[in-house]
Amino acid sequence: MNEFERELSAAGDALRSLSDGPGREAADALGAAFDGAGQRIEAALSQAARSGELDFRRMADGILRELARVAAEAVILRGQGGGGGVNATFNFPPGTDEGAVAGNAAGVSALLARMVQAGGRFS
C-alpha cells in the first residue's frame, strides 16, 4: 500500500469514527429538538382549533420563534458535537445581566431566538 492509499484509508477511518460517534450524537440531538418543536407546534394548532380562536399572525410568529430556537440550538450543538467551535460575540446594553447568558446553552439559544425574531443577523 502506498502513502496515498494509507492516507485515504486513515481519512475513511476518521470519517467512520466521526459518523458513528459525535456525528450520530449531534444528529440524534437535532432530531429530538425538531421532534419537540413539531410537538409544540402541533399543540398550539390543536389548541387554536379547539378554542376557535385562530389568530394566524400570532400563530405564525410562534412557529417562527420555535424554528429560530431550534436553529440556534443546532448551531450550539454543532459546536459541542466535536466539529468546529462556535464563536459568538454579544453586545449587551448597560445594566444587562450578561452573566445569566454566559455558559448557559439554553440562555444563548433563547437570546439567539429573540435576535432572529427582532431581525438580528448572523455573520
PDB file of N, CA and C in Angstrom:
ATOM      1  N   MET A   1       0.848  -1.164   0.000  1.00  0.00           N
ATOM      2  CA  MET A   1       0.000   0.000   0.000  1.00  0.00           C
ATOM      3  C   MET A   1       0.902   1.237   0.000  1.00  0.00           C
ATOM      4  N   ASN A   2       0.642   2.181  -0.918  1.00  0.00           N
ATOM      5  CA  ASN A   2       1.474   3.380  -0.973  1.00  0.00           C
ATOM      6  C   ASN A   2       0.951   4.438   0.015  1.00  0.00           C
ATOM      7  N   GLU A   3       1.682   5.539   0.112  1.00  0.00           N
ATOM      8  CA  GLU A   3       1.366   6.599   1.083  1.00  0.00           C
ATOM      9  C   GLU A   3      -0.034   7.171   0.856  1.00  0.00           C
ATOM     10  N   PHE A   4      -0.395   7.404  -0.400  1.00  0.00           N
ATOM     11  CA  PHE A   4      -1.720   7.954  -0.711  1.00  0.00           C
ATOM     12  C   PHE A   4      -2.821   7.014  -0.234  1.00  0.00           C
ATOM     13  N   GLU A   5      -2.675   5.729  -0.483  1.00  0.00           N
ATOM     14  CA  GLU A   5      -3.691   4.758  -0.064  1.00  0.00           C
ATOM     15  C   GLU A   5      -3.794   4.687   1.455  1.00  0.00           C
ATOM     16  N   ARG A   6      -2.657   4.804   2.143  1.00  0.00           N
ATOM     17  CA  ARG A   6      -2.681   4.801   3.610  1.00  0.00           C
ATOM     18  C   ARG A   6      -3.420   6.035   4.137  1.00  0.00           C
ATOM     19  N   GLU A   7      -3.120   7.194   3.548  1.00  0.00           N
ATOM     20  CA  GLU A   7      -3.790   8.425   3.972  1.00  0.00           C
ATOM     21  C   GLU A   7      -5.282   8.364   3.669  1.00  0.00           C
ATOM     22  N   LEU A   8      -5.630   7.820   2.515  1.00  0.00           N
ATOM     23  CA  LEU A   8      -7.034   7.679   2.141  1.00  0.00           C
ATOM     24  C   LEU A   8      -7.749   6.735   3.104  1.00  0.00           C
ATOM     25  N   SER A   9      -7.102   5.646   3.456  1.00  0.00           N
ATOM     26  CA  SER A   9      -7.678   4.696   4.406  1.00  0.00           C
ATOM     27  C   SER A   9      -7.845   5.337   5.782  1.00  0.00           C
ATOM     28  N   ALA A  10      -6.849   6.108   6.213  1.00  0.00           N
ATOM     29  CA  ALA A  10      -6.925   6.789   7.512  1.00  0.00           C
ATOM     30  C   ALA A  10      -8.054   7.817   7.516  1.00  0.00           C
ATOM     31  N   ALA A  11      -8.209   8.536   6.403  1.00  0.00           N
ATOM     32  CA  ALA A  11      -9.294   9.518   6.306  1.00  0.00           C
ATOM     33  C   ALA A  11     -10.649   8.820   6.373  1.00  0.00           C
ATOM     34  N   GLY A  12     -10.774   7.689   5.700  1.00  0.00           N
ATOM     35  CA  GLY A  12     -12.021   6.918   5.758  1.00  0.00           C
ATOM     36  C   GLY A  12     -12.319   6.433   7.162  1.00  0.00           C
ATOM     37  N   ASP A  13     -11.286   5.960   7.865  1.00  0.00           N
ATOM     38  CA  ASP A  13     -11.468   5.515   9.251  1.00  0.00           C
ATOM     39  C   ASP A  13     -11.915   6.673  10.145  1.00  0.00           C
ATOM     40  N   ALA A  14     -11.300   7.836   9.959  1.00  0.00           N
ATOM     41  CA  ALA A  14     -11.665   9.010  10.763  1.00  0.00           C
ATOM     42  C   ALA A  14     -13.104   9.430  10.489  1.00  0.00           C
ATOM     43  N   LEU A  15     -13.513   9.384   9.230  1.00  0.00           N
ATOM     44  CA  LEU A  15     -14.885   9.747   8.870  1.00  0.00           C
ATOM     45  C   LEU A  15     -15.882   8.771   9.480  1.00  0.00           C
ATOM     46  N   ARG A  16     -15.573   7.475   9.430  1.00  0.00           N
ATOM     47  CA  ARG A  16     -16.453   6.475  10.049  1.00  0.00           C
ATOM     48  C   ARG A  16     -16.553   6.706  11.554  1.00  0.00           C
ATOM     49  N   SER A  17     -15.424   7.005  12.180  1.00  0.00           N
ATOM     50  CA  SER A  17     -15.406   7.260  13.620  1.00  0.00           C
ATOM     51  C   SER A  17     -16.264   8.476  13.965  1.00  0.00           C
ATOM     52  N   LEU A  18     -16.174   9.525  13.157  1.00  0.00           N
ATOM     53  CA  LEU A  18     -16.980  10.726  13.375  1.00  0.00           C
ATOM     54  C   LEU A  18     -18.461  10.428  13.206  1.00  0.00           C
ATOM     55  N   SER A  19     -18.806   9.699  12.145  1.00  0.00           N
ATOM     56  CA  SER A  19     -20.225   9.435  11.889  1.00  0.00           C
ATOM     57  C   SER A  19     -20.816   8.476  12.909  1.00  0.00           C
ATOM     58  N   ASP A  20     -20.010   7.589  13.472  1.00  0.00           N
ATOM     59  CA  ASP A  20     -20.513   6.653  14.479  1.00  0.00           C
ATOM     60  C   ASP A  20     -20.564   7.274  15.873  1.00  0.00           C
ATOM     61  N   GLY A  21     -19.782   8.305  16.122  1.00  0.00           N
ATOM     62  CA  GLY A  21     -19.710   8.898  17.465  1.00  0.00           C
ATOM     63  C   GLY A  21     -20.397  10.247  17.527  1.00  0.00           C
ATOM     64  N   PRO A  22     -19.609  11.332  17.509  1.00  0.00           N
ATOM     65  CA  PRO A  22     -20.181  12.674  17.678  1.00  0.00           C
ATOM     66  C   PRO A  22     -21.193  13.048  16.595  1.00  0.00           C
ATOM     67  N   GLY A  23     -20.965  12.602  15.375  1.00  0.00           N
ATOM     68  CA  GLY A  23     -21.910  12.919  14.300  1.00  0.00           C
ATOM     69  C   GLY A  23     -23.282  12.327  14.569  1.00  0.00           C
ATOM     70  N   ARG A  24     -23.309  11.088  15.005  1.00  0.00           N
ATOM     71  CA  ARG A  24     -24.586  10.432  15.316  1.00  0.00           C
ATOM     72  C   ARG A  24     -25.248  11.108  16.516  1.00  0.00           C
ATOM     73  N   GLU A  25     -24.445  11.447  17.535  1.00  0.00           N
ATOM     74  CA  GLU A  25     -24.997  12.107  18.723  1.00  0.00           C
ATOM     75  C   GLU A  25     -25.604  13.457  18.357  1.00  0.00           C
ATOM     76  N   ALA A  26     -24.909  14.229  17.524  1.00  0.00           N
ATOM     77  CA  ALA A  26     -25.434  15.531  17.109  1.00  0.00           C
ATOM     78  C   ALA A  26     -26.708  15.357  16.287  1.00  0.00           C
ATOM     79  N   ALA A  27     -26.718  14.376  15.387  1.00  0.00           N
ATOM     80  CA  ALA A  27     -27.918  14.130  14.584  1.00  0.00           C
ATOM     81  C   ALA A  27     -29.084  13.710  15.466  1.00  0.00           C
ATOM     82  N   ASP A  28     -28.832  12.867  16.457  1.00  0.00           N
ATOM     83  CA  ASP A  28     -29.893  12.452  17.382  1.00  0.00           C
ATOM     84  C   ASP A  28     -30.422  13.645  18.177  1.00  0.00           C
ATOM     85  N   ALA A  29     -29.512  14.515  18.621  1.00  0.00           N
ATOM     86  CA  ALA A  29     -29.928  15.694  19.386  1.00  0.00           C
ATOM     87  C   ALA A  29     -30.761  16.633  18.524  1.00  0.00           C
ATOM     88  N   LEU A  30     -30.342  16.836  17.270  1.00  0.00           N
ATOM     89  CA  LEU A  30     -31.120  17.683  16.367  1.00  0.00           C
ATOM     90  C   LEU A  30     -32.479  17.063  16.080  1.00  0.00           C
ATOM     91  N   GLY A  31     -32.507  15.747  15.886  1.00  0.00           N
ATOM     92  CA  GLY A  31     -33.778  15.065  15.654  1.00  0.00           C
ATOM     93  C   GLY A  31     -34.721  15.245  16.827  1.00  0.00           C
ATOM     94  N   ALA A  32     -34.202  15.126  18.038  1.00  0.00           N
ATOM     95  CA  ALA A  32     -35.033  15.311  19.231  1.00  0.00           C
ATOM     96  C   ALA A  32     -35.536  16.750  19.324  1.00  0.00           C
ATOM     97  N   ALA A  33     -34.679  17.717  18.973  1.00  0.00           N
ATOM     98  CA  ALA A  33     -35.094  19.123  19.010  1.00  0.00           C
ATOM     99  C   ALA A  33     -36.215  19.380  18.012  1.00  0.00           C
ATOM    100  N   PHE A  34     -36.082  18.842  16.791  1.00  0.00           N
ATOM    101  CA  PHE A  34     -37.132  19.031  15.793  1.00  0.00           C
ATOM    102  C   PHE A  34     -38.407  18.299  16.185  1.00  0.00           C
ATOM    103  N   ASP A  35     -38.281  17.119  16.794  1.00  0.00           N
ATOM    104  CA  ASP A  35     -39.470  16.410  17.277  1.00  0.00           C
ATOM    105  C   ASP A  35     -40.196  17.245  18.320  1.00  0.00           C
ATOM    106  N   GLY A  36     -39.437  17.799  19.260  1.00  0.00           N
ATOM    107  CA  GLY A  36     -40.038  18.635  20.300  1.00  0.00           C
ATOM    108  C   GLY A  36     -40.698  19.869  19.715  1.00  0.00           C
ATOM    109  N   ALA A  37     -40.040  20.500  18.743  1.00  0.00           N
ATOM    110  CA  ALA A  37     -40.618  21.680  18.096  1.00  0.00           C
ATOM    111  C   ALA A  37     -41.910  21.305  17.385  1.00  0.00           C
ATOM    112  N   GLY A  38     -41.894  20.185  16.693  1.00  0.00           N
ATOM    113  CA  GLY A  38     -43.099  19.735  15.995  1.00  0.00           C
ATOM    114  C   GLY A  38     -44.238  19.468  16.953  1.00  0.00           C
ATOM    115  N   GLN A  39     -43.941  18.876  18.096  1.00  0.00           N
ATOM    116  CA  GLN A  39     -44.986  18.601  19.086  1.00  0.00           C
ATOM    117  C   GLN A  39     -45.555  19.892  19.657  1.00  0.00           C
ATOM    118  N   ARG A  40     -44.697  20.889  19.914  1.00  0.00           N
ATOM    119  CA  ARG A  40     -45.193  22.160  20.444  1.00  0.00           C
ATOM    120  C   ARG A  40     -46.025  22.898  19.403  1.00  0.00           C
ATOM    121  N   ILE A  41     -45.605  22.845  18.147  1.00  0.00           N
ATOM    122  CA  ILE A  41     -46.383  23.482  17.080  1.00  0.00           C
ATOM    123  C   ILE A  41     -47.728  22.780  16.935  1.00  0.00           C
ATOM    124  N   GLU A  42     -47.711  21.455  16.973  1.00  0.00           N
ATOM    125  CA  GLU A  42     -48.957  20.687  16.889  1.00  0.00           C
ATOM    126  C   GLU A  42     -49.893  21.040  18.038  1.00  0.00           C
ATOM    127  N   ALA A  43     -49.361  21.162  19.243  1.00  0.00           N
ATOM    128  CA  ALA A  43     -50.188  21.510  20.402  1.00  0.00           C
ATOM    129  C   ALA A  43     -50.805  22.897  20.231  1.00  0.00           C
ATOM    130  N   ALA A  44     -50.029  23.849  19.714  1.00  0.00           N
ATOM    131  CA  ALA A  44     -50.549  25.203  19.500  1.00  0.00           C
ATOM    132  C   ALA A  44     -51.661  25.199  18.461  1.00  0.00           C
ATOM    133  N   LEU A  45     -51.468  24.445  17.377  1.00  0.00           N
ATOM    134  CA  LEU A  45     -52.504  24.362  16.341  1.00  0.00           C
ATOM    135  C   LEU A  45     -53.757  23.679  16.882  1.00  0.00           C
ATOM    136  N   SER A  46     -53.581  22.625  17.657  1.00  0.00           N
ATOM    137  CA  SER A  46     -54.727  21.915  18.236  1.00  0.00           C
ATOM    138  C   SER A  46     -55.497  22.822  19.178  1.00  0.00           C
ATOM    139  N   GLN A  47     -54.781  23.568  20.016  1.00  0.00           N
ATOM    140  CA  GLN A  47     -55.439  24.489  20.948  1.00  0.00           C
ATOM    141  C   GLN A  47     -56.207  25.558  20.182  1.00  0.00           C
ATOM    142  N   ALA A  48     -55.611  26.091  19.132  1.00  0.00           N
ATOM    143  CA  ALA A  48     -56.289  27.116  18.335  1.00  0.00           C
ATOM    144  C   ALA A  48     -57.544  26.550  17.681  1.00  0.00           C
ATOM    145  N   ALA A  49     -57.464  25.330  17.180  1.00  0.00           N
ATOM    146  CA  ALA A  49     -58.626  24.714  16.534  1.00  0.00           C
ATOM    147  C   ALA A  49     -59.726  24.436  17.557  1.00  0.00           C
ATOM    148  N   ARG A  50     -59.367  23.971  18.758  1.00  0.00           N
ATOM    149  CA  ARG A  50     -60.372  23.666  19.788  1.00  0.00           C
ATOM    150  C   ARG A  50     -61.040  24.929  20.305  1.00  0.00           C
ATOM    151  N   SER A  51     -60.271  25.982  20.477  1.00  0.00           N
ATOM    152  CA  SER A  51     -60.827  27.208  21.053  1.00  0.00           C
ATOM    153  C   SER A  51     -61.557  28.041  20.012  1.00  0.00           C
ATOM    154  N   GLY A  52     -61.313  27.756  18.745  1.00  0.00           N
ATOM    155  CA  GLY A  52     -61.958  28.530  17.691  1.00  0.00           C
ATOM    156  C   GLY A  52     -61.333  29.897  17.499  1.00  0.00           C
ATOM    157  N   GLU A  53     -60.277  30.174  18.212  1.00  0.00           N
ATOM    158  CA  GLU A  53     -59.612  31.468  18.104  1.00  0.00           C
ATOM    159  C   GLU A  53     -58.339  31.304  17.286  1.00  0.00           C
ATOM    160  N   LEU A  54     -58.445  31.568  16.018  1.00  0.00           N
ATOM    161  CA  LEU A  54     -57.265  31.449  15.165  1.00  0.00           C
ATOM    162  C   LEU A  54     -56.738  32.843  14.853  1.00  0.00           C
ATOM    163  N   ASP A  55     -55.717  33.215  15.531  1.00  0.00           N
ATOM    164  CA  ASP A  55     -55.008  34.450  15.245  1.00  0.00           C
ATOM    165  C   ASP A  55     -53.769  34.030  14.461  1.00  0.00           C
ATOM    166  N   PHE A  56     -53.879  34.053  13.133  1.00  0.00           N
ATOM    167  CA  PHE A  56     -52.827  33.493  12.290  1.00  0.00           C
ATOM    168  C   PHE A  56     -51.495  34.216  12.456  1.00  0.00           C
ATOM    169  N   ARG A  57     -51.537  35.511  12.657  1.00  0.00           N
ATOM    170  CA  ARG A  57     -50.271  36.232  12.827  1.00  0.00           C
ATOM    171  C   ARG A  57     -49.559  35.756  14.098  1.00  0.00           C
ATOM    172  N   ARG A  58     -50.315  35.643  15.199  1.00  0.00           N
ATOM    173  CA  ARG A  58     -49.719  35.185  16.454  1.00  0.00           C
ATOM    174  C   ARG A  58     -49.212  33.753  16.316  1.00  0.00           C
ATOM    175  N   MET A  59     -50.007  32.920  15.633  1.00  0.00           N
ATOM    176  CA  MET A  59     -49.604  31.528  15.444  1.00  0.00           C
ATOM    177  C   MET A  59     -48.337  31.449  14.581  1.00  0.00           C
ATOM    178  N   ALA A  60     -48.300  32.229  13.495  1.00  0.00           N
ATOM    179  CA  ALA A  60     -47.122  32.226  12.618  1.00  0.00           C
ATOM    180  C   ALA A  60     -45.895  32.733  13.371  1.00  0.00           C
ATOM    181  N   ASP A  61     -46.079  33.774  14.190  1.00  0.00           N
ATOM    182  CA  ASP A  61     -44.959  34.278  14.995  1.00  0.00           C
ATOM    183  C   ASP A  61     -44.449  33.207  15.949  1.00  0.00           C
ATOM    184  N   GLY A  62     -45.365  32.472  16.561  1.00  0.00           N
ATOM    185  CA  GLY A  62     -44.975  31.401  17.478  1.00  0.00           C
ATOM    186  C   GLY A  62     -44.200  30.304  16.773  1.00  0.00           C
ATOM    187  N   ILE A  63     -44.655  29.935  15.585  1.00  0.00           N
ATOM    188  CA  ILE A  63     -43.965  28.898  14.813  1.00  0.00           C
ATOM    189  C   ILE A  63     -42.570  29.381  14.415  1.00  0.00           C
ATOM    190  N   LEU A  64     -42.472  30.629  13.967  1.00  0.00           N
ATOM    191  CA  LEU A  64     -41.163  31.168  13.586  1.00  0.00           C
ATOM    192  C   LEU A  64     -40.219  31.248  14.781  1.00  0.00           C
ATOM    193  N   ARG A  65     -40.742  31.629  15.949  1.00  0.00           N
ATOM    194  CA  ARG A  65     -39.900  31.667  17.153  1.00  0.00           C
ATOM    195  C   ARG A  65     -39.390  30.272  17.493  1.00  0.00           C
ATOM    196  N   GLU A  66     -40.275  29.282  17.385  1.00  0.00           N
ATOM    197  CA  GLU A  66     -39.884  27.906  17.705  1.00  0.00           C
ATOM    198  C   GLU A  66     -38.807  27.413  16.738  1.00  0.00           C
ATOM    199  N   LEU A  67     -38.978  27.696  15.447  1.00  0.00           N
ATOM    200  CA  LEU A  67     -37.983  27.272  14.458  1.00  0.00           C
ATOM    201  C   LEU A  67     -36.661  28.009  14.660  1.00  0.00           C
ATOM    202  N   ALA A  68     -36.722  29.286  15.028  1.00  0.00           N
ATOM    203  CA  ALA A  68     -35.495  30.043  15.299  1.00  0.00           C
ATOM    204  C   ALA A  68     -34.766  29.455  16.501  1.00  0.00           C
ATOM    205  N   ARG A  69     -35.523  29.047  17.528  1.00  0.00           N
ATOM    206  CA  ARG A  69     -34.911  28.442  18.706  1.00  0.00           C
ATOM    207  C   ARG A  69     -34.216  27.140  18.339  1.00  0.00           C
ATOM    208  N   VAL A  70     -34.888  26.330  17.502  1.00  0.00           N
ATOM    209  CA  VAL A  70     -34.290  25.059  17.079  1.00  0.00           C
ATOM    210  C   VAL A  70     -33.023  25.320  16.261  1.00  0.00           C
ATOM    211  N   ALA A  71     -33.069  26.313  15.376  1.00  0.00           N
ATOM    212  CA  ALA A  71     -31.891  26.638  14.567  1.00  0.00           C
ATOM    213  C   ALA A  71     -30.740  27.109  15.452  1.00  0.00           C
ATOM    214  N   ALA A  72     -31.044  27.925  16.448  1.00  0.00           N
ATOM    215  CA  ALA A  72     -29.995  28.396  17.359  1.00  0.00           C
ATOM    216  C   ALA A  72     -29.398  27.235  18.141  1.00  0.00           C
ATOM    217  N   GLU A  73     -30.248  26.316  18.599  1.00  0.00           N
ATOM    218  CA  GLU A  73     -29.738  25.144  19.310  1.00  0.00           C
ATOM    219  C   GLU A  73     -28.874  24.286  18.396  1.00  0.00           C
ATOM    220  N   ALA A  74     -29.257  24.204  17.117  1.00  0.00           N
ATOM    221  CA  ALA A  74     -28.467  23.413  16.171  1.00  0.00           C
ATOM    222  C   ALA A  74     -27.066  23.992  16.028  1.00  0.00           C
ATOM    223  N   VAL A  75     -26.969  25.322  15.996  1.00  0.00           N
ATOM    224  CA  VAL A  75     -25.657  25.968  15.903  1.00  0.00           C
ATOM    225  C   VAL A  75     -24.828  25.638  17.131  1.00  0.00           C
ATOM    226  N   ILE A  76     -25.442  25.702  18.298  1.00  0.00           N
ATOM    227  CA  ILE A  76     -24.716  25.427  19.536  1.00  0.00           C
ATOM    228  C   ILE A  76     -24.334  23.963  19.607  1.00  0.00           C
ATOM    229  N   LEU A  77     -25.255  23.060  19.256  1.00  0.00           N
ATOM    230  CA  LEU A  77     -24.961  21.630  19.308  1.00  0.00           C
ATOM    231  C   LEU A  77     -23.864  21.250  18.329  1.00  0.00           C
ATOM    232  N   ARG A  78     -23.841  21.903  17.167  1.00  0.00           N
ATOM    233  CA  ARG A  78     -22.797  21.599  16.193  1.00  0.00           C
ATOM    234  C   ARG A  78     -21.433  21.903  16.797  1.00  0.00           C
ATOM    235  N   GLY A  79     -21.347  22.970  17.571  1.00  0.00           N
ATOM    236  CA  GLY A  79     -20.084  23.310  18.224  1.00  0.00           C
ATOM    237  C   GLY A  79     -19.720  22.323  19.315  1.00  0.00           C
ATOM    238  N   GLN A  80     -20.715  21.677  19.938  1.00  0.00           N
ATOM    239  CA  GLN A  80     -20.442  20.731  21.007  1.00  0.00           C
ATOM    240  C   GLN A  80     -20.266  19.321  20.484  1.00  0.00           C
ATOM    241  N   GLY A  81     -20.575  19.074  19.221  1.00  0.00           N
ATOM    242  CA  GLY A  81     -20.551  17.724  18.683  1.00  0.00           C
ATOM    243  C   GLY A  81     -19.210  17.304  18.127  1.00  0.00           C
ATOM    244  N   GLY A  82     -18.158  17.991  18.464  1.00  0.00           N
ATOM    245  CA  GLY A  82     -16.841  17.588  18.007  1.00  0.00           C
ATOM    246  C   GLY A  82     -16.434  18.264  16.711  1.00  0.00           C
ATOM    247  N   GLY A  83     -17.322  19.088  16.146  1.00  0.00           N
ATOM    248  CA  GLY A  83     -16.986  19.809  14.930  1.00  0.00           C
ATOM    249  C   GLY A  83     -16.226  21.070  15.286  1.00  0.00           C
ATOM    250  N   GLY A  84     -16.229  22.010  14.374  1.00  0.00           N
ATOM    251  CA  GLY A  84     -15.581  23.276  14.633  1.00  0.00           C
ATOM    252  C   GLY A  84     -16.283  24.014  15.754  1.00  0.00           C
ATOM    253  N   GLY A  85     -15.559  24.832  16.460  1.00  0.00           N
ATOM    254  CA  GLY A  85     -16.134  25.580  17.567  1.00  0.00           C
ATOM    255  C   GLY A  85     -17.092  26.650  17.083  1.00  0.00           C
ATOM    256  N   VAL A  86     -17.901  27.119  17.984  1.00  0.00           N
ATOM    257  CA  VAL A  86     -18.836  28.198  17.696  1.00  0.00           C
ATOM    258  C   VAL A  86     -18.360  29.420  18.457  1.00  0.00           C
ATOM    259  N   ASN A  87     -18.168  30.520  17.752  1.00  0.00           N
ATOM    260  CA  ASN A  87     -17.785  31.774  18.383  1.00  0.00           C
ATOM    261  C   ASN A  87     -18.940  32.745  18.246  1.00  0.00           C
ATOM    262  N   ALA A  88     -19.299  33.387  19.322  1.00  0.00           N
ATOM    263  CA  ALA A  88     -20.374  34.373  19.293  1.00  0.00           C
ATOM    264  C   ALA A  88     -19.942  35.565  20.132  1.00  0.00           C
ATOM    265  N   THR A  89     -20.251  36.750  19.636  1.00  0.00           N
ATOM    266  CA  THR A  89     -19.983  37.970  20.377  1.00  0.00           C
ATOM    267  C   THR A  89     -21.313  38.661  20.606  1.00  0.00           C
ATOM    268  N   PHE A  90     -21.623  38.929  21.851  1.00  0.00           N
ATOM    269  CA  PHE A  90     -22.863  39.604  22.194  1.00  0.00           C
ATOM    270  C   PHE A  90     -22.519  40.944  22.822  1.00  0.00           C
ATOM    271  N   ASN A  91     -23.185  41.985  22.371  1.00  0.00           N
ATOM    272  CA  ASN A  91     -23.013  43.311  22.951  1.00  0.00           C
ATOM    273  C   ASN A  91     -24.260  43.614  23.765  1.00  0.00           C
ATOM    274  N   PHE A  92     -24.100  43.708  25.077  1.00  0.00           N
ATOM    275  CA  PHE A  92     -25.222  43.947  25.964  1.00  0.00           C
ATOM    276  C   PHE A  92     -25.299  45.423  26.313  1.00  0.00           C
ATOM    277  N   PRO A  93     -26.508  45.966  26.354  1.00  0.00           N
ATOM    278  CA  PRO A  93     -26.638  47.361  26.785  1.00  0.00           C
ATOM    279  C   PRO A  93     -26.294  47.490  28.269  1.00  0.00           C
ATOM    280  N   PRO A  94     -25.916  48.679  28.703  1.00  0.00           N
ATOM    281  CA  PRO A  94     -25.590  48.880  30.116  1.00  0.00           C
ATOM    282  C   PRO A  94     -26.753  48.431  31.006  1.00  0.00           C
ATOM    283  N   GLY A  95     -26.405  47.770  32.103  1.00  0.00           N
ATOM    284  CA  GLY A  95     -27.418  47.319  33.046  1.00  0.00           C
ATOM    285  C   GLY A  95     -27.929  45.915  32.794  1.00  0.00           C
ATOM    286  N   THR A  96     -27.496  45.283  31.680  1.00  0.00           N
ATOM    287  CA  THR A  96     -27.938  43.926  31.368  1.00  0.00           C
ATOM    288  C   THR A  96     -27.133  42.926  32.183  1.00  0.00           C
ATOM    289  N   ASP A  97     -27.795  41.889  32.671  1.00  0.00           N
ATOM    290  CA  ASP A  97     -27.110  40.832  33.425  1.00  0.00           C
ATOM    291  C   ASP A  97     -26.576  39.800  32.434  1.00  0.00           C
ATOM    292  N   GLU A  98     -25.395  40.066  31.863  1.00  0.00           N
ATOM    293  CA  GLU A  98     -24.827  39.140  30.876  1.00  0.00           C
ATOM    294  C   GLU A  98     -24.434  37.816  31.496  1.00  0.00           C
ATOM    295  N   GLY A  99     -24.257  37.759  32.805  1.00  0.00           N
ATOM    296  CA  GLY A  99     -23.918  36.514  33.485  1.00  0.00           C
ATOM    297  C   GLY A  99     -25.021  35.481  33.376  1.00  0.00           C
ATOM    298  N   ALA A 100     -26.267  35.927  33.160  1.00  0.00           N
ATOM    299  CA  ALA A 100     -27.387  34.994  33.029  1.00  0.00           C
ATOM    300  C   ALA A 100     -27.291  34.207  31.731  1.00  0.00           C
ATOM    301  N   VAL A 101     -26.532  34.696  30.773  1.00  0.00           N
ATOM    302  CA  VAL A 101     -26.421  34.032  29.473  1.00  0.00           C
ATOM    303  C   VAL A 101     -25.104  33.274  29.342  1.00  0.00           C
ATOM    304  N   ALA A 102     -24.032  33.803  29.895  1.00  0.00           N
ATOM    305  CA  ALA A 102     -22.702  33.215  29.723  1.00  0.00           C
ATOM    306  C   ALA A 102     -22.662  31.779  30.226  1.00  0.00           C
ATOM    307  N   GLY A 103     -22.190  30.867  29.380  1.00  0.00           N
ATOM    308  CA  GLY A 103     -22.041  29.466  29.750  1.00  0.00           C
ATOM    309  C   GLY A 103     -23.343  28.704  29.865  1.00  0.00           C
ATOM    310  N   ASN A 104     -24.431  29.277  29.379  1.00  0.00           N
ATOM    311  CA  ASN A 104     -25.750  28.678  29.515  1.00  0.00           C
ATOM    312  C   ASN A 104     -26.309  28.446  28.117  1.00  0.00           C
ATOM    313  N   ALA A 105     -26.256  27.206  27.622  1.00  0.00           N
ATOM    314  CA  ALA A 105     -26.682  26.906  26.249  1.00  0.00           C
ATOM    315  C   ALA A 105     -28.134  27.291  26.025  1.00  0.00           C
ATOM    316  N   ALA A 106     -29.002  27.014  26.990  1.00  0.00           N
ATOM    317  CA  ALA A 106     -30.416  27.361  26.829  1.00  0.00           C
ATOM    318  C   ALA A 106     -30.584  28.878  26.780  1.00  0.00           C
ATOM    319  N   GLY A 107     -29.820  29.588  27.609  1.00  0.00           N
ATOM    320  CA  GLY A 107     -29.888  31.044  27.599  1.00  0.00           C
ATOM    321  C   GLY A 107     -29.395  31.626  26.288  1.00  0.00           C
ATOM    322  N   VAL A 108     -28.312  31.078  25.760  1.00  0.00           N
ATOM    323  CA  VAL A 108     -27.784  31.540  24.473  1.00  0.00           C
ATOM    324  C   VAL A 108     -28.792  31.240  23.369  1.00  0.00           C
ATOM    325  N   SER A 109     -29.398  30.055  23.396  1.00  0.00           N
ATOM    326  CA  SER A 109     -30.407  29.703  22.394  1.00  0.00           C
ATOM    327  C   SER A 109     -31.573  30.673  22.443  1.00  0.00           C
ATOM    328  N   ALA A 110     -32.036  30.972  23.657  1.00  0.00           N
ATOM    329  CA  ALA A 110     -33.156  31.902  23.799  1.00  0.00           C
ATOM    330  C   ALA A 110     -32.770  33.290  23.295  1.00  0.00           C
ATOM    331  N   LEU A 111     -31.547  33.721  23.606  1.00  0.00           N
ATOM    332  CA  LEU A 111     -31.080  35.019  23.143  1.00  0.00           C
ATOM    333  C   LEU A 111     -31.010  35.065  21.623  1.00  0.00           C
ATOM    334  N   LEU A 112     -30.456  34.029  21.003  1.00  0.00           N
ATOM    335  CA  LEU A 112     -30.380  33.987  19.542  1.00  0.00           C
ATOM    336  C   LEU A 112     -31.773  33.978  18.928  1.00  0.00           C
ATOM    337  N   ALA A 113     -32.707  33.246  19.531  1.00  0.00           N
ATOM    338  CA  ALA A 113     -34.076  33.217  19.014  1.00  0.00           C
ATOM    339  C   ALA A 113     -34.702  34.606  19.081  1.00  0.00           C
ATOM    340  N   ARG A 114     -34.471  35.329  20.190  1.00  0.00           N
ATOM    341  CA  ARG A 114     -35.011  36.692  20.286  1.00  0.00           C
ATOM    342  C   ARG A 114     -34.361  37.606  19.257  1.00  0.00           C
ATOM    343  N   MET A 115     -33.062  37.421  19.009  1.00  0.00           N
ATOM    344  CA  MET A 115     -32.382  38.233  18.000  1.00  0.00           C
ATOM    345  C   MET A 115     -32.976  37.991  16.620  1.00  0.00           C
ATOM    346  N   VAL A 116     -33.209  36.724  16.288  1.00  0.00           N
ATOM    347  CA  VAL A 116     -33.778  36.397  14.979  1.00  0.00           C
ATOM    348  C   VAL A 116     -35.163  37.001  14.860  1.00  0.00           C
ATOM    349  N   GLN A 117     -35.963  36.876  15.907  1.00  0.00           N
ATOM    350  CA  GLN A 117     -37.314  37.411  15.885  1.00  0.00           C
ATOM    351  C   GLN A 117     -37.289  38.927  15.701  1.00  0.00           C
ATOM    352  N   ALA A 118     -36.303  39.586  16.305  1.00  0.00           N
ATOM    353  CA  ALA A 118     -36.209  41.036  16.223  1.00  0.00           C
ATOM    354  C   ALA A 118     -35.497  41.503  14.955  1.00  0.00           C
ATOM    355  N   GLY A 119     -35.090  40.574  14.107  1.00  0.00           N
ATOM    356  CA  GLY A 119     -34.433  40.955  12.864  1.00  0.00           C
ATOM    357  C   GLY A 119     -32.927  40.950  12.943  1.00  0.00           C
ATOM    358  N   GLY A 120     -32.365  40.349  13.979  1.00  0.00           N
ATOM    359  CA  GLY A 120     -30.913  40.244  14.086  1.00  0.00           C
ATOM    360  C   GLY A 120     -30.359  39.378  12.972  1.00  0.00           C
ATOM    361  N   ARG A 121     -29.079  39.476  12.720  1.00  0.00           N
ATOM    362  CA  ARG A 121     -28.491  38.661  11.661  1.00  0.00           C
ATOM    363  C   ARG A 121     -27.253  37.966  12.177  1.00  0.00           C
ATOM    364  N   PHE A 122     -26.955  36.842  11.542  1.00  0.00           N
ATOM    365  CA  PHE A 122     -25.760  36.082  11.874  1.00  0.00           C
ATOM    366  C   PHE A 122     -24.699  36.425  10.847  1.00  0.00           C
ATOM    367  N   SER A 123     -23.468  36.574  11.288  1.00  0.00           N
ATOM    368  CA  SER A 123     -22.397  36.844  10.316  1.00  0.00           C
ATOM    369  C   SER A 123     -21.207  35.994  10.636  1.00  0.00           C
TER     370      SER A 123
END
